Amino acid sequence: MNDSIPGFSVPVHRSLAEPILLGGAPRSVAILVGTLAAAIGLGLRLWLPGLLIWSIGHAAAVWAAKRDPLFVDVVRNHLRIPGHLAT
């Protein structure tokens, strides 16, 4: 029993509803962590700290994205909206 009106249902592709991930991490976070690690690794010539920052930062972003793919938006709203009910 399909109660939908013909012509008023449209299939939606998954790519319109899912966030853009880069290596399992949100795209903006992956670019930010990669840029920071490249600046430390290449700019300051500290290769090991740069690799360490990239690997830990990317692993943390992938872990957070597995728990909530929209965690970047949640954190952004959390920082933007003050907590009025906090005691």
PDB file of N, CA and C in Angstrom:
ATOM      1  N   MET A   1       0.833  -1.180   0.000  1.00  0.00           N
ATOM      2  CA  MET A   1       0.000   0.000   0.000  1.00  0.00           C
ATOM      3  C   MET A   1       0.879   1.245   0.000  1.00  0.00           C
ATOM      4  N   ASN A   2       1.158   1.770  -1.160  1.00  0.00           N
ATOM      5  CA  ASN A   2       1.953   2.979  -1.292  1.00  0.00           C
ATOM      6  C   ASN A   2       1.010   4.173  -1.372  1.00  0.00           C
ATOM      7  N   ASP A   3       1.031   5.030  -0.346  1.00  0.00           N
ATOM      8  CA  ASP A   3       0.129   6.173  -0.289  1.00  0.00           C
ATOM      9  C   ASP A   3       0.718   7.437  -0.896  1.00  0.00           C
ATOM     10  N   SER A   4       1.863   7.344  -1.574  1.00  0.00           N
ATOM     11  CA  SER A   4       2.471   8.543  -2.136  1.00  0.00           C
ATOM     12  C   SER A   4       1.777   8.945  -3.428  1.00  0.00           C
ATOM     13  N   ILE A   5       1.761  10.222  -3.690  1.00  0.00           N
ATOM     14  CA  ILE A   5       1.153  10.773  -4.897  1.00  0.00           C
ATOM     15  C   ILE A   5       2.162  10.639  -6.035  1.00  0.00           C
ATOM     16  N   PRO A   6       1.745  10.122  -7.185  1.00  0.00           N
ATOM     17  CA  PRO A   6       2.697   9.963  -8.301  1.00  0.00           C
ATOM     18  C   PRO A   6       3.259  11.324  -8.736  1.00  0.00           C
ATOM     19  N   GLY A   7       4.568  11.371  -8.924  1.00  0.00           N
ATOM     20  CA  GLY A   7       5.224  12.603  -9.358  1.00  0.00           C
ATOM     21  C   GLY A   7       5.747  13.447  -8.214  1.00  0.00           C
ATOM     22  N   PHE A   8       5.430  13.091  -6.978  1.00  0.00           N
ATOM     23  CA  PHE A   8       5.872  13.880  -5.835  1.00  0.00           C
ATOM     24  C   PHE A   8       6.913  13.170  -4.979  1.00  0.00           C
ATOM     25  N   SER A   9       7.419  12.064  -5.445  1.00  0.00           N
ATOM     26  CA  SER A   9       8.510  11.402  -4.742  1.00  0.00           C
ATOM     27  C   SER A   9       9.727  11.390  -5.659  1.00  0.00           C
ATOM     28  N   VAL A  10      10.853  11.780  -5.095  1.00  0.00           N
ATOM     29  CA  VAL A  10      12.082  11.888  -5.862  1.00  0.00           C
ATOM     30  C   VAL A  10      13.159  11.100  -5.138  1.00  0.00           C
ATOM     31  N   PRO A  11      13.861  10.220  -5.844  1.00  0.00           N
ATOM     32  CA  PRO A  11      14.958   9.519  -5.182  1.00  0.00           C
ATOM     33  C   PRO A  11      16.110  10.488  -4.887  1.00  0.00           C
ATOM     34  N   VAL A  12      16.676  10.381  -3.694  1.00  0.00           N
ATOM     35  CA  VAL A  12      17.780  11.245  -3.277  1.00  0.00           C
ATOM     36  C   VAL A  12      19.052  10.408  -3.221  1.00  0.00           C
ATOM     37  N   HIS A  13      20.092  10.894  -3.867  1.00  0.00           N
ATOM     38  CA  HIS A  13      21.359  10.179  -3.886  1.00  0.00           C
ATOM     39  C   HIS A  13      22.038  10.313  -2.531  1.00  0.00           C
ATOM     40  N   ARG A  14      22.744   9.273  -2.117  1.00  0.00           N
ATOM     41  CA  ARG A  14      23.403   9.271  -0.803  1.00  0.00           C
ATOM     42  C   ARG A  14      24.409  10.402  -0.650  1.00  0.00           C
ATOM     43  N   SER A  15      25.045  10.814  -1.740  1.00  0.00           N
ATOM     44  CA  SER A  15      26.077  11.844  -1.641  1.00  0.00           C
ATOM     45  C   SER A  15      25.507  13.202  -1.249  1.00  0.00           C
ATOM     46  N   LEU A  16      24.211  13.401  -1.398  1.00  0.00           N
ATOM     47  CA  LEU A  16      23.597  14.656  -0.976  1.00  0.00           C
ATOM     48  C   LEU A  16      23.325  14.702   0.518  1.00  0.00           C
ATOM     49  N   ALA A  17      23.282  13.573   1.159  1.00  0.00           N
ATOM     50  CA  ALA A  17      22.922  13.516   2.575  1.00  0.00           C
ATOM     51  C   ALA A  17      24.108  13.197   3.486  1.00  0.00           C
ATOM     52  N   GLU A  18      25.179  12.624   2.962  1.00  0.00           N
ATOM     53  CA  GLU A  18      26.317  12.239   3.784  1.00  0.00           C
ATOM     54  C   GLU A  18      27.398  13.310   3.735  1.00  0.00           C
ATOM     55  N   PRO A  19      28.135  13.486   4.834  1.00  0.00           N
ATOM     56  CA  PRO A  19      29.213  14.483   4.844  1.00  0.00           C
ATOM     57  C   PRO A  19      30.388  14.050   3.967  1.00  0.00           C
ATOM     58  N   ILE A  20      31.175  15.020   3.534  1.00  0.00           N
ATOM     59  CA  ILE A  20      32.346  14.746   2.697  1.00  0.00           C
ATOM     60  C   ILE A  20      33.501  14.354   3.613  1.00  0.00           C
ATOM     61  N   LEU A  21      34.011  13.151   3.427  1.00  0.00           N
ATOM     62  CA  LEU A  21      35.119  12.655   4.238  1.00  0.00           C
ATOM     63  C   LEU A  21      36.368  12.514   3.375  1.00  0.00           C
ATOM     64  N   LEU A  22      37.496  12.757   3.972  1.00  0.00           N
ATOM     65  CA  LEU A  22      38.779  12.636   3.289  1.00  0.00           C
ATOM     66  C   LEU A  22      39.635  11.684   4.119  1.00  0.00           C
ATOM     67  N   GLY A  23      39.747  10.456   3.671  1.00  0.00           N
ATOM     68  CA  GLY A  23      40.473   9.447   4.425  1.00  0.00           C
ATOM     69  C   GLY A  23      39.765   9.042   5.697  1.00  0.00           C
ATOM     70  N   GLY A  24      38.447   9.188   5.736  1.00  0.00           N
ATOM     71  CA  GLY A  24      37.672   8.822   6.909  1.00  0.00           C
ATOM     72  C   GLY A  24      37.436   9.963   7.870  1.00  0.00           C
ATOM     73  N   ALA A  25      38.122  11.082   7.687  1.00  0.00           N
ATOM     74  CA  ALA A  25      37.962  12.256   8.535  1.00  0.00           C
ATOM     75  C   ALA A  25      37.209  13.338   7.753  1.00  0.00           C
ATOM     76  N   PRO A  26      36.505  14.222   8.449  1.00  0.00           N
ATOM     77  CA  PRO A  26      35.853  15.318   7.736  1.00  0.00           C
ATOM     78  C   PRO A  26      36.879  16.131   6.937  1.00  0.00           C
ATOM     79  N   ARG A  27      36.470  16.567   5.769  1.00  0.00           N
ATOM     80  CA  ARG A  27      37.393  17.202   4.829  1.00  0.00           C
ATOM     81  C   ARG A  27      38.106  18.398   5.445  1.00  0.00           C
ATOM     82  N   SER A  28      37.389  19.281   6.128  1.00  0.00           N
ATOM     83  CA  SER A  28      38.009  20.482   6.686  1.00  0.00           C
ATOM     84  C   SER A  28      39.024  20.134   7.770  1.00  0.00           C
ATOM     85  N   VAL A  29      38.707  19.157   8.599  1.00  0.00           N
ATOM     86  CA  VAL A  29      39.627  18.753   9.664  1.00  0.00           C
ATOM     87  C   VAL A  29      40.861  18.080   9.074  1.00  0.00           C
ATOM     88  N   ALA A  30      40.677  17.241   8.065  1.00  0.00           N
ATOM     89  CA  ALA A  30      41.819  16.560   7.442  1.00  0.00           C
ATOM     90  C   ALA A  30      42.758  17.573   6.787  1.00  0.00           C
ATOM     91  N   ILE A  31      42.207  18.594   6.145  1.00  0.00           N
ATOM     92  CA  ILE A  31      43.043  19.625   5.524  1.00  0.00           C
ATOM     93  C   ILE A  31      43.765  20.439   6.588  1.00  0.00           C
ATOM     94  N   LEU A  32      43.067  20.768   7.676  1.00  0.00           N
ATOM     95  CA  LEU A  32      43.682  21.541   8.758  1.00  0.00           C
ATOM     96  C   LEU A  32      44.823  20.774   9.419  1.00  0.00           C
ATOM     97  N   VAL A  33      44.599  19.507   9.741  1.00  0.00           N
ATOM     98  CA  VAL A  33      45.637  18.687  10.386  1.00  0.00           C
ATOM     99  C   VAL A  33      46.805  18.474   9.431  1.00  0.00           C
ATOM    100  N   GLY A  34      46.517  18.217   8.169  1.00  0.00           N
ATOM    101  CA  GLY A  34      47.592  18.021   7.191  1.00  0.00           C
ATOM    102  C   GLY A  34      48.421  19.267   6.973  1.00  0.00           C
ATOM    103  N   THR A  35      47.768  20.430   6.951  1.00  0.00           N
ATOM    104  CA  THR A  35      48.492  21.689   6.771  1.00  0.00           C
ATOM    105  C   THR A  35      49.368  21.993   7.981  1.00  0.00           C
ATOM    106  N   LEU A  36      48.823  21.773   9.176  1.00  0.00           N
ATOM    107  CA  LEU A  36      49.609  22.000  10.391  1.00  0.00           C
ATOM    108  C   LEU A  36      50.815  21.057  10.445  1.00  0.00           C
ATOM    109  N   ALA A  37      50.601  19.802  10.132  1.00  0.00           N
ATOM    110  CA  ALA A  37      51.698  18.832  10.147  1.00  0.00           C
ATOM    111  C   ALA A  37      52.735  19.154   9.074  1.00  0.00           C
ATOM    112  N   ALA A  38      52.292  19.594   7.901  1.00  0.00           N
ATOM    113  CA  ALA A  38      53.232  19.957   6.840  1.00  0.00           C
ATOM    114  C   ALA A  38      54.032  21.209   7.218  1.00  0.00           C
ATOM    115  N   ALA A  39      53.389  22.168   7.875  1.00  0.00           N
ATOM    116  CA  ALA A  39      54.109  23.370   8.297  1.00  0.00           C
ATOM    117  C   ALA A  39      55.179  23.041   9.323  1.00  0.00           C
ATOM    118  N   ILE A  40      54.859  22.145  10.238  1.00  0.00           N
ATOM    119  CA  ILE A  40      55.852  21.756  11.245  1.00  0.00           C
ATOM    120  C   ILE A  40      56.923  20.863  10.627  1.00  0.00           C
ATOM    121  N   GLY A  41      56.492  19.903   9.807  1.00  0.00           N
ATOM    122  CA  GLY A  41      57.449  18.958   9.224  1.00  0.00           C
ATOM    123  C   GLY A  41      58.347  19.573   8.171  1.00  0.00           C
ATOM    124  N   LEU A  42      57.763  20.365   7.294  1.00  0.00           N
ATOM    125  CA  LEU A  42      58.554  20.938   6.204  1.00  0.00           C
ATOM    126  C   LEU A  42      59.121  22.313   6.551  1.00  0.00           C
ATOM    127  N   GLY A  43      58.285  23.140   7.173  1.00  0.00           N
ATOM    128  CA  GLY A  43      58.719  24.503   7.475  1.00  0.00           C
ATOM    129  C   GLY A  43      59.762  24.562   8.569  1.00  0.00           C
ATOM    130  N   LEU A  44      59.549  23.827   9.634  1.00  0.00           N
ATOM    131  CA  LEU A  44      60.493  23.845  10.748  1.00  0.00           C
ATOM    132  C   LEU A  44      61.501  22.708  10.676  1.00  0.00           C
ATOM    133  N   ARG A  45      61.343  21.841   9.681  1.00  0.00           N
ATOM    134  CA  ARG A  45      62.219  20.678   9.477  1.00  0.00           C
ATOM    135  C   ARG A  45      62.223  19.747  10.681  1.00  0.00           C
ATOM    136  N   LEU A  46      61.061  19.615  11.284  1.00  0.00           N
ATOM    137  CA  LEU A  46      60.889  18.672  12.382  1.00  0.00           C
ATOM    138  C   LEU A  46      60.025  17.544  11.855  1.00  0.00           C
ATOM    139  N   TRP A  47      60.650  16.572  11.206  1.00  0.00           N
ATOM    140  CA  TRP A  47      59.925  15.525  10.502  1.00  0.00           C
ATOM    141  C   TRP A  47      59.129  14.635  11.440  1.00  0.00           C
ATOM    142  N   LEU A  48      59.753  14.163  12.475  1.00  0.00           N
ATOM    143  CA  LEU A  48      59.064  13.234  13.370  1.00  0.00           C
ATOM    144  C   LEU A  48      57.903  13.886  14.118  1.00  0.00           C
ATOM    145  N   PRO A  49      58.068  15.092  14.683  1.00  0.00           N
ATOM    146  CA  PRO A  49      56.893  15.722  15.305  1.00  0.00           C
ATOM    147  C   PRO A  49      55.773  16.005  14.297  1.00  0.00           C
ATOM    148  N   GLY A  50      56.132  16.344  13.069  1.00  0.00           N
ATOM    149  CA  GLY A  50      55.116  16.574  12.033  1.00  0.00           C
ATOM    150  C   GLY A  50      54.338  15.310  11.716  1.00  0.00           C
ATOM    151  N   LEU A  51      55.047  14.199  11.566  1.00  0.00           N
ATOM    152  CA  LEU A  51      54.375  12.919  11.319  1.00  0.00           C
ATOM    153  C   LEU A  51      53.531  12.493  12.513  1.00  0.00           C
ATOM    154  N   LEU A  52      54.034  12.748  13.715  1.00  0.00           N
ATOM    155  CA  LEU A  52      53.303  12.391  14.928  1.00  0.00           C
ATOM    156  C   LEU A  52      52.022  13.215  15.048  1.00  0.00           C
ATOM    157  N   ILE A  53      52.108  14.511  14.785  1.00  0.00           N
ATOM    158  CA  ILE A  53      50.924  15.375  14.835  1.00  0.00           C
ATOM    159  C   ILE A  53      49.909  14.941  13.788  1.00  0.00           C
ATOM    160  N   TRP A  54      50.383  14.627  12.580  1.00  0.00           N
ATOM    161  CA  TRP A  54      49.452  14.205  11.539  1.00  0.00           C
ATOM    162  C   TRP A  54      48.774  12.885  11.893  1.00  0.00           C
ATOM    163  N   SER A  55      49.559  11.914  12.345  1.00  0.00           N
ATOM    164  CA  SER A  55      48.970  10.602  12.612  1.00  0.00           C
ATOM    165  C   SER A  55      48.000  10.644  13.789  1.00  0.00           C
ATOM    166  N   ILE A  56      48.338  11.340  14.853  1.00  0.00           N
ATOM    167  CA  ILE A  56      47.433  11.436  16.002  1.00  0.00           C
ATOM    168  C   ILE A  56      46.208  12.274  15.660  1.00  0.00           C
ATOM    169  N   GLY A  57      46.413  13.399  14.979  1.00  0.00           N
ATOM    170  CA  GLY A  57      45.288  14.265  14.614  1.00  0.00           C
ATOM    171  C   GLY A  57      44.323  13.601  13.650  1.00  0.00           C
ATOM    172  N   HIS A  58      44.858  12.905  12.667  1.00  0.00           N
ATOM    173  CA  HIS A  58      43.990  12.244  11.694  1.00  0.00           C
ATOM    174  C   HIS A  58      43.270  11.055  12.332  1.00  0.00           C
ATOM    175  N   ALA A  59      43.975  10.318  13.174  1.00  0.00           N
ATOM    176  CA  ALA A  59      43.331   9.184  13.854  1.00  0.00           C
ATOM    177  C   ALA A  59      42.215   9.663  14.774  1.00  0.00           C
ATOM    178  N   ALA A  60      42.432  10.777  15.472  1.00  0.00           N
ATOM    179  CA  ALA A  60      41.394  11.322  16.348  1.00  0.00           C
ATOM    180  C   ALA A  60      40.197  11.805  15.532  1.00  0.00           C
ATOM    181  N   ALA A  61      40.444  12.422  14.382  1.00  0.00           N
ATOM    182  CA  ALA A  61      39.347  12.895  13.532  1.00  0.00           C
ATOM    183  C   ALA A  61      38.560  11.721  12.943  1.00  0.00           C
ATOM    184  N   VAL A  62      39.243  10.656  12.564  1.00  0.00           N
ATOM    185  CA  VAL A  62      38.554   9.473  12.036  1.00  0.00           C
ATOM    186  C   VAL A  62      37.715   8.827  13.133  1.00  0.00           C
ATOM    187  N   TRP A  63      38.260   8.731  14.346  1.00  0.00           N
ATOM    188  CA  TRP A  63      37.522   8.158  15.472  1.00  0.00           C
ATOM    189  C   TRP A  63      36.266   8.989  15.760  1.00  0.00           C
ATOM    190  N   ALA A  64      36.415  10.311  15.777  1.00  0.00           N
ATOM    191  CA  ALA A  64      35.258  11.171  16.043  1.00  0.00           C
ATOM    192  C   ALA A  64      34.236  11.089  14.916  1.00  0.00           C
ATOM    193  N   ALA A  65      34.690  10.977  13.670  1.00  0.00           N
ATOM    194  CA  ALA A  65      33.762  10.888  12.539  1.00  0.00           C
ATOM    195  C   ALA A  65      33.016   9.561  12.536  1.00  0.00           C
ATOM    196  N   LYS A  66      33.634   8.505  13.051  1.00  0.00           N
ATOM    197  CA  LYS A  66      32.918   7.228  13.146  1.00  0.00           C
ATOM    198  C   LYS A  66      31.810   7.305  14.181  1.00  0.00           C
ATOM    199  N   ARG A  67      32.037   8.042  15.248  1.00  0.00           N
ATOM    200  CA  ARG A  67      31.015   8.187  16.284  1.00  0.00           C
ATOM    201  C   ARG A  67      29.906   9.143  15.838  1.00  0.00           C
ATOM    202  N   ASP A  68      30.269  10.264  15.200  1.00  0.00           N
ATOM    203  CA  ASP A  68      29.294  11.236  14.710  1.00  0.00           C
ATOM    204  C   ASP A  68      29.894  11.936  13.501  1.00  0.00           C
ATOM    205  N   PRO A  69      29.414  11.637  12.283  1.00  0.00           N
ATOM    206  CA  PRO A  69      29.995  12.245  11.086  1.00  0.00           C
ATOM    207  C   PRO A  69      29.862  13.767  11.031  1.00  0.00           C
ATOM    208  N   LEU A  70      28.947  14.326  11.787  1.00  0.00           N
ATOM    209  CA  LEU A  70      28.748  15.784  11.787  1.00  0.00           C
ATOM    210  C   LEU A  70      29.320  16.424  13.046  1.00  0.00           C
ATOM    211  N   PHE A  71      30.378  15.846  13.618  1.00  0.00           N
ATOM    212  CA  PHE A  71      30.895  16.371  14.875  1.00  0.00           C
ATOM    213  C   PHE A  71      31.475  17.770  14.723  1.00  0.00           C
ATOM    214  N   VAL A  72      31.944  18.144  13.542  1.00  0.00           N
ATOM    215  CA  VAL A  72      32.486  19.485  13.338  1.00  0.00           C
ATOM    216  C   VAL A  72      31.376  20.520  13.487  1.00  0.00           C
ATOM    217  N   ASP A  73      30.214  20.259  12.919  1.00  0.00           N
ATOM    218  CA  ASP A  73      29.094  21.188  13.049  1.00  0.00           C
ATOM    219  C   ASP A  73      28.591  21.254  14.482  1.00  0.00           C
ATOM    220  N   VAL A  74      28.598  20.130  15.178  1.00  0.00           N
ATOM    221  CA  VAL A  74      28.158  20.103  16.575  1.00  0.00           C
ATOM    222  C   VAL A  74      29.092  20.938  17.435  1.00  0.00           C
ATOM    223  N   VAL A  75      30.395  20.791  17.246  1.00  0.00           N
ATOM    224  CA  VAL A  75      31.362  21.570  18.028  1.00  0.00           C
ATOM    225  C   VAL A  75      31.253  23.046  17.685  1.00  0.00           C
ATOM    226  N   ARG A  76      31.072  23.371  16.412  1.00  0.00           N
ATOM    227  CA  ARG A  76      30.933  24.768  16.005  1.00  0.00           C
ATOM    228  C   ARG A  76      29.706  25.403  16.660  1.00  0.00           C
ATOM    229  N   ASN A  77      28.578  24.699  16.675  1.00  0.00           N
ATOM    230  CA  ASN A  77      27.376  25.226  17.326  1.00  0.00           C
ATOM    231  C   ASN A  77      27.552  25.305  18.832  1.00  0.00           C
ATOM    232  N   HIS A  78      28.254  24.346  19.416  1.00  0.00           N
ATOM    233  CA  HIS A  78      28.494  24.352  20.855  1.00  0.00           C
ATOM    234  C   HIS A  78      29.317  25.581  21.261  1.00  0.00           C
ATOM    235  N   LEU A  79      30.303  25.952  20.454  1.00  0.00           N
ATOM    236  CA  LEU A  79      31.114  27.103  20.771  1.00  0.00           C
ATOM    237  C   LEU A  79      30.398  28.421  20.485  1.00  0.00           C
ATOM    238  N   ARG A  80      29.496  28.411  19.518  1.00  0.00           N
ATOM    239  CA  ARG A  80      28.810  29.639  19.110  1.00  0.00           C
ATOM    240  C   ARG A  80      27.656  29.986  20.047  1.00  0.00           C
ATOM    241  N   ILE A  81      26.913  28.985  20.502  1.00  0.00           N
ATOM    242  CA  ILE A  81      25.730  29.219  21.329  1.00  0.00           C
ATOM    243  C   ILE A  81      26.115  29.071  22.794  1.00  0.00           C
ATOM    244  N   PRO A  82      25.876  30.114  23.602  1.00  0.00           N
ATOM    245  CA  PRO A  82      26.268  30.024  25.022  1.00  0.00           C
ATOM    246  C   PRO A  82      25.342  29.074  25.786  1.00  0.00           C
ATOM    247  N   GLY A  83      25.874  28.529  26.857  1.00  0.00           N
ATOM    248  CA  GLY A  83      25.088  27.622  27.687  1.00  0.00           C
ATOM    249  C   GLY A  83      24.304  28.398  28.728  1.00  0.00           C
ATOM    250  N   HIS A  84      23.019  28.623  28.468  1.00  0.00           N
ATOM    251  CA  HIS A  84      22.185  29.388  29.398  1.00  0.00           C
ATOM    252  C   HIS A  84      21.737  28.556  30.587  1.00  0.00           C
ATOM    253  N   LEU A  85      21.711  27.248  30.444  1.00  0.00           N
ATOM    254  CA  LEU A  85      21.217  26.412  31.515  1.00  0.00           C
ATOM    255  C   LEU A  85      22.326  25.843  32.378  1.00  0.00           C
ATOM    256  N   ALA A  86      23.566  26.245  32.111  1.00  0.00           N
ATOM    257  CA  ALA A  86      24.687  25.741  32.897  1.00  0.00           C
ATOM    258  C   ALA A  86      24.642  26.336  34.290  1.00  0.00           C
ATOM    259  N   THR A  87      24.951  25.520  35.286  1.00  0.00           N
ATOM    260  CA  THR A  87      24.918  26.031  36.665  1.00  0.00           C
ATOM    261  C   THR A  87      26.299  26.285  37.180  1.00  0.00           C
TER     262      THR A  87
END
